[in-house]
PDB file of all heavy atoms in Angstrom:
ATOM      1  N   LEU A   1       9.011  -8.814  37.291  1.00  0.00           N
ATOM      2  CA  LEU A   1       8.835  -9.052  35.858  1.00  0.00           C
ATOM      3  C   LEU A   1       7.742  -8.163  35.281  1.00  0.00           C
ATOM      4  O   LEU A   1       7.886  -7.613  34.184  1.00  0.00           O
ATOM      5  CB  LEU A   1       8.521 -10.529  35.601  1.00  0.00           C
ATOM      6  CG  LEU A   1       9.680 -11.492  35.879  1.00  0.00           C
ATOM      7  CD1 LEU A   1       9.218 -12.923  35.696  1.00  0.00           C
ATOM      8  CD2 LEU A   1      10.885 -11.187  34.990  1.00  0.00           C
ATOM      9  N   GLN A   2       6.660  -8.009  36.022  1.00  0.00           N
ATOM     10  CA  GLN A   2       5.565  -7.144  35.552  1.00  0.00           C
ATOM     11  C   GLN A   2       6.043  -5.701  35.420  1.00  0.00           C
ATOM     12  O   GLN A   2       5.621  -4.985  34.518  1.00  0.00           O
ATOM     13  CB  GLN A   2       4.378  -7.224  36.500  1.00  0.00           C
ATOM     14  CG  GLN A   2       3.626  -8.538  36.393  1.00  0.00           C
ATOM     15  CD  GLN A   2       2.503  -8.645  37.412  1.00  0.00           C
ATOM     16  OE1 GLN A   2       2.160  -7.683  38.084  1.00  0.00           O
ATOM     17  NE2 GLN A   2       1.937  -9.835  37.523  1.00  0.00           N
ATOM     18  N   SER A   3       6.942  -5.278  36.299  1.00  0.00           N
ATOM     19  CA  SER A   3       7.453  -3.906  36.229  1.00  0.00           C
ATOM     20  C   SER A   3       8.301  -3.674  34.984  1.00  0.00           C
ATOM     21  O   SER A   3       8.508  -2.540  34.583  1.00  0.00           O
ATOM     22  CB  SER A   3       8.271  -3.569  37.483  1.00  0.00           C
ATOM     23  OG  SER A   3       9.541  -4.198  37.438  1.00  0.00           O
ATOM     24  N   THR A   4       8.769  -4.758  34.360  1.00  0.00           N
ATOM     25  CA  THR A   4       9.546  -4.628  33.129  1.00  0.00           C
ATOM     26  C   THR A   4       8.665  -4.782  31.893  1.00  0.00           C
ATOM     27  O   THR A   4       9.169  -4.786  30.777  1.00  0.00           O
ATOM     28  CB  THR A   4      10.674  -5.671  33.060  1.00  0.00           C
ATOM     29  OG1 THR A   4      10.112  -6.983  33.006  1.00  0.00           O
ATOM     30  CG2 THR A   4      11.598  -5.555  34.256  1.00  0.00           C
ATOM     31  N   GLY A   5       7.340  -4.918  32.102  1.00  0.00           N
ATOM     32  CA  GLY A   5       6.419  -4.982  30.968  1.00  0.00           C
ATOM     33  C   GLY A   5       5.916  -6.368  30.632  1.00  0.00           C
ATOM     34  O   GLY A   5       5.176  -6.548  29.659  1.00  0.00           O
ATOM     35  N   VAL A   6       6.282  -7.356  31.409  1.00  0.00           N
ATOM     36  CA  VAL A   6       5.815  -8.725  31.153  1.00  0.00           C
ATOM     37  C   VAL A   6       4.375  -8.847  31.643  1.00  0.00           C
ATOM     38  O   VAL A   6       4.073  -8.453  32.778  1.00  0.00           O
ATOM     39  CB  VAL A   6       6.726  -9.755  31.883  1.00  0.00           C
ATOM     40  CG1 VAL A   6       6.202 -11.168  31.721  1.00  0.00           C
ATOM     41  CG2 VAL A   6       8.165  -9.643  31.400  1.00  0.00           C
ATOM     42  N   PRO A   7       3.463  -9.378  30.816  1.00  0.00           N
ATOM     43  CA  PRO A   7       2.074  -9.554  31.241  1.00  0.00           C
ATOM     44  C   PRO A   7       1.985 -10.444  32.495  1.00  0.00           C
ATOM     45  O   PRO A   7       2.812 -11.337  32.699  1.00  0.00           O
ATOM     46  CB  PRO A   7       1.408 -10.261  30.055  1.00  0.00           C
ATOM     47  CG  PRO A   7       2.288  -9.967  28.884  1.00  0.00           C
ATOM     48  CD  PRO A   7       3.674  -9.815  29.440  1.00  0.00           C
ATOM     49  N   ALA A   8       0.988 -10.195  33.327  1.00  0.00           N
ATOM     50  CA  ALA A   8       0.856 -10.854  34.644  1.00  0.00           C
ATOM     51  C   ALA A   8       0.901 -12.380  34.536  1.00  0.00           C
ATOM     52  O   ALA A   8       1.620 -13.044  35.299  1.00  0.00           O
ATOM     53  CB  ALA A   8      -0.424 -10.407  35.330  1.00  0.00           C
ATOM     54  N   GLU A   9       0.145 -12.951  33.612  1.00  0.00           N
ATOM     55  CA  GLU A   9       0.098 -14.415  33.510  1.00  0.00           C
ATOM     56  C   GLU A   9       1.468 -14.989  33.128  1.00  0.00           C
ATOM     57  O   GLU A   9       1.930 -15.960  33.718  1.00  0.00           O
ATOM     58  CB  GLU A   9      -0.938 -14.821  32.465  1.00  0.00           C
ATOM     59  CG  GLU A   9      -1.192 -16.306  32.425  1.00  0.00           C
ATOM     60  CD  GLU A   9      -2.336 -16.640  31.468  1.00  0.00           C
ATOM     61  OE1 GLU A   9      -3.459 -16.136  31.694  1.00  0.00           O
ATOM     62  OE2 GLU A   9      -2.067 -17.385  30.524  1.00  0.00           O
ATOM     63  N   LEU A  10       2.128 -14.347  32.179  1.00  0.00           N
ATOM     64  CA  LEU A  10       3.457 -14.805  31.770  1.00  0.00           C
ATOM     65  C   LEU A  10       4.479 -14.575  32.881  1.00  0.00           C
ATOM     66  O   LEU A  10       5.361 -15.388  33.093  1.00  0.00           O
ATOM     67  CB  LEU A  10       3.894 -14.086  30.488  1.00  0.00           C
ATOM     68  CG  LEU A  10       5.242 -14.494  29.882  1.00  0.00           C
ATOM     69  CD1 LEU A  10       5.250 -15.997  29.564  1.00  0.00           C
ATOM     70  CD2 LEU A  10       5.534 -13.675  28.647  1.00  0.00           C
ATOM     71  N   ALA A  11       4.331 -13.473  33.619  1.00  0.00           N
ATOM     72  CA  ALA A  11       5.235 -13.180  34.734  1.00  0.00           C
ATOM     73  C   ALA A  11       5.163 -14.266  35.785  1.00  0.00           C
ATOM     74  O   ALA A  11       6.199 -14.698  36.306  1.00  0.00           O
ATOM     75  CB  ALA A  11       4.900 -11.821  35.343  1.00  0.00           C
ATOM     76  N   GLU A  12       3.961 -14.748  36.076  1.00  0.00           N
ATOM     77  CA  GLU A  12       3.825 -15.822  37.054  1.00  0.00           C
ATOM     78  C   GLU A  12       4.448 -17.115  36.544  1.00  0.00           C
ATOM     79  O   GLU A  12       5.133 -17.827  37.283  1.00  0.00           O
ATOM     80  CB  GLU A  12       2.351 -16.041  37.399  1.00  0.00           C
ATOM     81  CG  GLU A  12       1.825 -14.995  38.341  1.00  0.00           C
ATOM     82  CD  GLU A  12       0.517 -15.403  39.000  1.00  0.00           C
ATOM     83  OE1 GLU A  12       0.244 -16.603  39.091  1.00  0.00           O
ATOM     84  OE2 GLU A  12      -0.201 -14.495  39.432  1.00  0.00           O
ATOM     85  N   GLU A  13       4.228 -17.402  35.268  1.00  0.00           N
ATOM     86  CA  GLU A  13       4.774 -18.617  34.672  1.00  0.00           C
ATOM     87  C   GLU A  13       6.308 -18.595  34.698  1.00  0.00           C
ATOM     88  O   GLU A  13       6.959 -19.563  35.078  1.00  0.00           O
ATOM     89  CB  GLU A  13       4.262 -18.736  33.235  1.00  0.00           C
ATOM     90  CG  GLU A  13       4.675 -20.006  32.531  1.00  0.00           C
ATOM     91  CD  GLU A  13       4.088 -20.042  31.120  1.00  0.00           C
ATOM     92  OE1 GLU A  13       2.919 -19.649  30.940  1.00  0.00           O
ATOM     93  OE2 GLU A  13       4.828 -20.459  30.222  1.00  0.00           O
ATOM     94  N   ILE A  14       6.872 -17.460  34.306  1.00  0.00           N
ATOM     95  CA  ILE A  14       8.334 -17.339  34.279  1.00  0.00           C
ATOM     96  C   ILE A  14       8.905 -17.315  35.686  1.00  0.00           C
ATOM     97  O   ILE A  14       9.973 -17.867  35.938  1.00  0.00           O
ATOM     98  CB  ILE A  14       8.753 -16.117  33.435  1.00  0.00           C
ATOM     99  CG1 ILE A  14       8.460 -16.404  31.959  1.00  0.00           C
ATOM    100  CG2 ILE A  14      10.232 -15.775  33.637  1.00  0.00           C
ATOM    101  CD1 ILE A  14       8.730 -15.266  31.031  1.00  0.00           C
ATOM    102  N   SER A  15       8.192 -16.688  36.618  1.00  0.00           N
ATOM    103  CA  SER A  15       8.647 -16.685  38.015  1.00  0.00           C
ATOM    104  C   SER A  15       8.732 -18.115  38.540  1.00  0.00           C
ATOM    105  O   SER A  15       9.708 -18.489  39.194  1.00  0.00           O
ATOM    106  CB  SER A  15       7.683 -15.877  38.887  1.00  0.00           C
ATOM    107  OG  SER A  15       7.689 -14.547  38.508  1.00  0.00           O
ATOM    108  N   GLN A  16       7.702 -18.901  38.230  1.00  0.00           N
ATOM    109  CA  GLN A  16       7.706 -20.305  38.667  1.00  0.00           C
ATOM    110  C   GLN A  16       8.900 -21.039  38.058  1.00  0.00           C
ATOM    111  O   GLN A  16       9.598 -21.783  38.748  1.00  0.00           O
ATOM    112  CB  GLN A  16       6.396 -20.992  38.266  1.00  0.00           C
ATOM    113  CG  GLN A  16       6.268 -22.401  38.755  1.00  0.00           C
ATOM    114  CD  GLN A  16       6.269 -22.495  40.262  1.00  0.00           C
ATOM    115  OE1 GLN A  16       5.604 -21.730  40.948  1.00  0.00           O
ATOM    116  NE2 GLN A  16       7.025 -23.422  40.812  1.00  0.00           N
ATOM    117  N   ALA A  17       9.133 -20.822  36.773  1.00  0.00           N
ATOM    118  CA  ALA A  17      10.251 -21.485  36.096  1.00  0.00           C
ATOM    119  C   ALA A  17      11.588 -21.030  36.686  1.00  0.00           C
ATOM    120  O   ALA A  17      12.512 -21.843  36.851  1.00  0.00           O
ATOM    121  CB  ALA A  17      10.206 -21.212  34.606  1.00  0.00           C
ATOM    122  N   ALA A  18      11.699 -19.745  37.013  1.00  0.00           N
ATOM    123  CA  ALA A  18      12.952 -19.220  37.575  1.00  0.00           C
ATOM    124  C   ALA A  18      13.227 -19.805  38.962  1.00  0.00           C
ATOM    125  O   ALA A  18      14.362 -20.213  39.268  1.00  0.00           O
ATOM    126  CB  ALA A  18      12.884 -17.691  37.658  1.00  0.00           C
ATOM    127  N   TRP A  19      12.209 -19.884  39.790  1.00  0.00           N
ATOM    128  CA  TRP A  19      12.403 -20.456  41.122  1.00  0.00           C
ATOM    129  C   TRP A  19      12.705 -21.944  41.016  1.00  0.00           C
ATOM    130  O   TRP A  19      13.502 -22.485  41.787  1.00  0.00           O
ATOM    131  CB  TRP A  19      11.190 -20.184  42.014  1.00  0.00           C
ATOM    132  CG  TRP A  19      11.260 -18.811  42.604  1.00  0.00           C
ATOM    133  CD1 TRP A  19      10.731 -17.662  42.097  1.00  0.00           C
ATOM    134  CD2 TRP A  19      11.984 -18.423  43.789  1.00  0.00           C
ATOM    135  NE1 TRP A  19      11.060 -16.596  42.895  1.00  0.00           N
ATOM    136  CE2 TRP A  19      11.820 -17.027  43.931  1.00  0.00           C
ATOM    137  CE3 TRP A  19      12.740 -19.115  44.720  1.00  0.00           C
ATOM    138  CZ2 TRP A  19      12.396 -16.322  44.972  1.00  0.00           C
ATOM    139  CZ3 TRP A  19      13.292 -18.404  45.771  1.00  0.00           C
ATOM    140  CH2 TRP A  19      13.122 -17.024  45.888  1.00  0.00           C
ATOM    141  N   SER A  20      12.093 -22.590  40.070  1.00  0.00           N
ATOM    142  CA  SER A  20      12.362 -24.006  39.844  1.00  0.00           C
ATOM    143  C   SER A  20      13.822 -24.206  39.414  1.00  0.00           C
ATOM    144  O   SER A  20      14.533 -25.083  39.911  1.00  0.00           O
ATOM    145  CB  SER A  20      11.428 -24.506  38.755  1.00  0.00           C
ATOM    146  OG  SER A  20      11.201 -25.847  38.851  1.00  0.00           O
ATOM    147  N   ARG A  21      14.266 -23.366  38.463  1.00  0.00           N
ATOM    148  CA  ARG A  21      15.651 -23.429  38.007  1.00  0.00           C
ATOM    149  C   ARG A  21      16.605 -23.098  39.164  1.00  0.00           C
ATOM    150  O   ARG A  21      17.670 -23.697  39.297  1.00  0.00           O
ATOM    151  CB  ARG A  21      15.843 -22.464  36.846  1.00  0.00           C
ATOM    152  CG  ARG A  21      17.227 -22.314  36.316  1.00  0.00           C
ATOM    153  CD  ARG A  21      17.625 -23.252  35.196  1.00  0.00           C
ATOM    154  NE  ARG A  21      16.634 -23.528  34.190  1.00  0.00           N
ATOM    155  CZ  ARG A  21      16.495 -22.907  33.028  1.00  0.00           C
ATOM    156  NH1 ARG A  21      17.290 -21.918  32.724  1.00  0.00           N
ATOM    157  NH2 ARG A  21      15.574 -23.273  32.170  1.00  0.00           N
ATOM    158  N   GLY A  22      16.202 -22.144  39.981  1.00  0.00           N
ATOM    159  CA  GLY A  22      17.007 -21.789  41.154  1.00  0.00           C
ATOM    160  C   GLY A  22      17.188 -22.968  42.089  1.00  0.00           C
ATOM    161  O   GLY A  22      18.281 -23.225  42.600  1.00  0.00           O
ATOM    162  N   TRP A  23      16.110 -23.719  42.292  1.00  0.00           N
ATOM    163  CA  TRP A  23      16.182 -24.918  43.146  1.00  0.00           C
ATOM    164  C   TRP A  23      17.150 -25.933  42.543  1.00  0.00           C
ATOM    165  O   TRP A  23      17.974 -26.500  43.230  1.00  0.00           O
ATOM    166  CB  TRP A  23      14.788 -25.516  43.339  1.00  0.00           C
ATOM    167  CG  TRP A  23      14.837 -26.859  44.009  1.00  0.00           C
ATOM    168  CD1 TRP A  23      14.644 -28.079  43.446  1.00  0.00           C
ATOM    169  CD2 TRP A  23      15.136 -27.114  45.384  1.00  0.00           C
ATOM    170  NE1 TRP A  23      14.786 -29.070  44.356  1.00  0.00           N
ATOM    171  CE2 TRP A  23      15.090 -28.517  45.578  1.00  0.00           C
ATOM    172  CE3 TRP A  23      15.429 -26.302  46.485  1.00  0.00           C
ATOM    173  CZ2 TRP A  23      15.341 -29.111  46.806  1.00  0.00           C
ATOM    174  CZ3 TRP A  23      15.669 -26.896  47.710  1.00  0.00           C
ATOM    175  CH2 TRP A  23      15.631 -28.291  47.871  1.00  0.00           C
ATOM    176  N   GLU A  24      17.003 -26.152  41.234  1.00  0.00           N
ATOM    177  CA  GLU A  24      17.853 -27.147  40.574  1.00  0.00           C
ATOM    178  C   GLU A  24      19.333 -26.747  40.616  1.00  0.00           C
ATOM    179  O   GLU A  24      20.199 -27.602  40.683  1.00  0.00           O
ATOM    180  CB  GLU A  24      17.429 -27.300  39.098  1.00  0.00           C
ATOM    181  CG  GLU A  24      16.080 -27.915  38.923  1.00  0.00           C
ATOM    182  CD  GLU A  24      15.523 -27.769  37.504  1.00  0.00           C
ATOM    183  OE1 GLU A  24      16.204 -27.157  36.649  1.00  0.00           O
ATOM    184  OE2 GLU A  24      14.423 -28.260  37.265  1.00  0.00           O
ATOM    185  N   CYS A  25      19.612 -25.467  40.587  1.00  0.00           N
ATOM    186  CA  CYS A  25      20.992 -24.971  40.504  1.00  0.00           C
ATOM    187  C   CYS A  25      21.464 -24.336  41.809  1.00  0.00           C
ATOM    188  O   CYS A  25      22.452 -23.597  41.821  1.00  0.00           O
ATOM    189  CB  CYS A  25      21.115 -23.952  39.360  1.00  0.00           C
ATOM    190  SG  CYS A  25      20.651 -24.601  37.766  1.00  0.00           S
ATOM    191  N   ARG A  26      20.779 -24.599  42.903  1.00  0.00           N
ATOM    192  CA  ARG A  26      21.075 -23.915  44.160  1.00  0.00           C
ATOM    193  C   ARG A  26      22.511 -24.110  44.638  1.00  0.00           C
ATOM    194  O   ARG A  26      23.062 -23.278  45.351  1.00  0.00           O
ATOM    195  CB  ARG A  26      20.090 -24.311  45.240  1.00  0.00           C
ATOM    196  CG  ARG A  26      20.174 -25.748  45.703  1.00  0.00           C
ATOM    197  CD  ARG A  26      18.997 -26.151  46.590  1.00  0.00           C
ATOM    198  NE  ARG A  26      19.087 -27.524  47.011  1.00  0.00           N
ATOM    199  CZ  ARG A  26      18.783 -28.575  46.252  1.00  0.00           C
ATOM    200  NH1 ARG A  26      18.337 -28.382  45.023  1.00  0.00           N
ATOM    201  NH2 ARG A  26      18.901 -29.801  46.725  1.00  0.00           N
ATOM    202  N   ALA A  27      23.168 -25.176  44.198  1.00  0.00           N
ATOM    203  CA  ALA A  27      24.567 -25.399  44.597  1.00  0.00           C
ATOM    204  C   ALA A  27      25.484 -24.336  43.989  1.00  0.00           C
ATOM    205  O   ALA A  27      26.585 -24.116  44.500  1.00  0.00           O
ATOM    206  CB  ALA A  27      25.019 -26.801  44.190  1.00  0.00           C
ATOM    207  N   GLN A  28      25.051 -23.682  42.924  1.00  0.00           N
ATOM    208  CA  GLN A  28      25.857 -22.633  42.279  1.00  0.00           C
ATOM    209  C   GLN A  28      25.761 -21.289  42.983  1.00  0.00           C
ATOM    210  O   GLN A  28      26.546 -20.387  42.704  1.00  0.00           O
ATOM    211  CB  GLN A  28      25.427 -22.477  40.828  1.00  0.00           C
ATOM    212  CG  GLN A  28      25.640 -23.698  39.988  1.00  0.00           C
ATOM    213  CD  GLN A  28      25.058 -23.527  38.583  1.00  0.00           C
ATOM    214  OE1 GLN A  28      24.680 -22.431  38.184  1.00  0.00           O
ATOM    215  NE2 GLN A  28      24.956 -24.624  37.866  1.00  0.00           N
ATOM    216  N   LEU A  29      24.779 -21.140  43.859  1.00  0.00           N
ATOM    217  CA  LEU A  29      24.569 -19.877  44.567  1.00  0.00           C
ATOM    218  C   LEU A  29      25.709 -19.656  45.554  1.00  0.00           C
ATOM    219  O   LEU A  29      25.943 -20.465  46.441  1.00  0.00           O
ATOM    220  CB  LEU A  29      23.223 -19.902  45.293  1.00  0.00           C
ATOM    221  CG  LEU A  29      22.848 -18.654  46.079  1.00  0.00           C
ATOM    222  CD1 LEU A  29      22.697 -17.452  45.154  1.00  0.00           C
ATOM    223  CD2 LEU A  29      21.531 -18.900  46.824  1.00  0.00           C
ATOM    224  N   LYS A  30      26.411 -18.524  45.391  1.00  0.00           N
ATOM    225  CA  LYS A  30      27.572 -18.253  46.243  1.00  0.00           C
ATOM    226  C   LYS A  30      27.185 -17.536  47.537  1.00  0.00           C
ATOM    227  O   LYS A  30      27.847 -17.673  48.543  1.00  0.00           O
ATOM    228  CB  LYS A  30      28.589 -17.422  45.464  1.00  0.00           C
ATOM    229  CG  LYS A  30      29.175 -18.210  44.320  1.00  0.00           C
ATOM    230  CD  LYS A  30      30.194 -17.407  43.567  1.00  0.00           C
ATOM    231  CE  LYS A  30      30.801 -18.300  42.506  1.00  0.00           C
ATOM    232  NZ  LYS A  30      30.645 -17.862  41.172  1.00  0.00           N
ATOM    233  N   ASN A  31      26.087 -16.752  47.478  1.00  0.00           N
ATOM    234  CA  ASN A  31      25.672 -15.993  48.653  1.00  0.00           C
ATOM    235  C   ASN A  31      24.184 -16.245  48.902  1.00  0.00           C
ATOM    236  O   ASN A  31      23.339 -15.644  48.244  1.00  0.00           O
ATOM    237  CB  ASN A  31      25.946 -14.503  48.425  1.00  0.00           C
ATOM    238  CG  ASN A  31      25.530 -13.649  49.588  1.00  0.00           C
ATOM    239  OD1 ASN A  31      25.083 -14.145  50.633  1.00  0.00           O
ATOM    240  ND2 ASN A  31      25.653 -12.340  49.421  1.00  0.00           N
ATOM    241  N   PRO A  32      23.853 -17.102  49.852  1.00  0.00           N
ATOM    242  CA  PRO A  32      22.444 -17.412  50.111  1.00  0.00           C
ATOM    243  C   PRO A  32      21.595 -16.190  50.432  1.00  0.00           C
ATOM    244  O   PRO A  32      20.390 -16.182  50.174  1.00  0.00           O
ATOM    245  CB  PRO A  32      22.488 -18.365  51.306  1.00  0.00           C
ATOM    246  CG  PRO A  32      23.860 -18.981  51.241  1.00  0.00           C
ATOM    247  CD  PRO A  32      24.746 -17.914  50.687  1.00  0.00           C
ATOM    248  N   ALA A  33      22.211 -15.135  50.926  1.00  0.00           N
ATOM    249  CA  ALA A  33      21.456 -13.918  51.230  1.00  0.00           C
ATOM    250  C   ALA A  33      20.968 -13.232  49.955  1.00  0.00           C
ATOM    251  O   ALA A  33      20.051 -12.424  49.994  1.00  0.00           O
ATOM    252  CB  ALA A  33      22.315 -12.954  52.064  1.00  0.00           C
ATOM    253  N   ALA A  34      21.592 -13.544  48.832  1.00  0.00           N
ATOM    254  CA  ALA A  34      21.225 -12.917  47.559  1.00  0.00           C
ATOM    255  C   ALA A  34      20.345 -13.821  46.718  1.00  0.00           C
ATOM    256  O   ALA A  34      20.255 -13.627  45.504  1.00  0.00           O
ATOM    257  CB  ALA A  34      22.491 -12.553  46.798  1.00  0.00           C
ATOM    258  N   LEU A  35      19.669 -14.767  47.333  1.00  0.00           N
ATOM    259  CA  LEU A  35      18.850 -15.726  46.593  1.00  0.00           C
ATOM    260  C   LEU A  35      17.794 -15.030  45.723  1.00  0.00           C
ATOM    261  O   LEU A  35      17.636 -15.348  44.557  1.00  0.00           O
ATOM    262  CB  LEU A  35      18.178 -16.722  47.557  1.00  0.00           C
ATOM    263  CG  LEU A  35      17.222 -17.732  46.910  1.00  0.00           C
ATOM    264  CD1 LEU A  35      17.962 -18.617  45.916  1.00  0.00           C
ATOM    265  CD2 LEU A  35      16.544 -18.573  47.983  1.00  0.00           C
TER     266      LEU A  35
END
């Protein structure tokens, strides 16, 4: 996220939200290797 221009603090916050969403929706993941 930081490499796309997102400030560090916001990048961490969004990363946390993304991983959280990933956990909630993990049943939708078709290829666990691409997590």
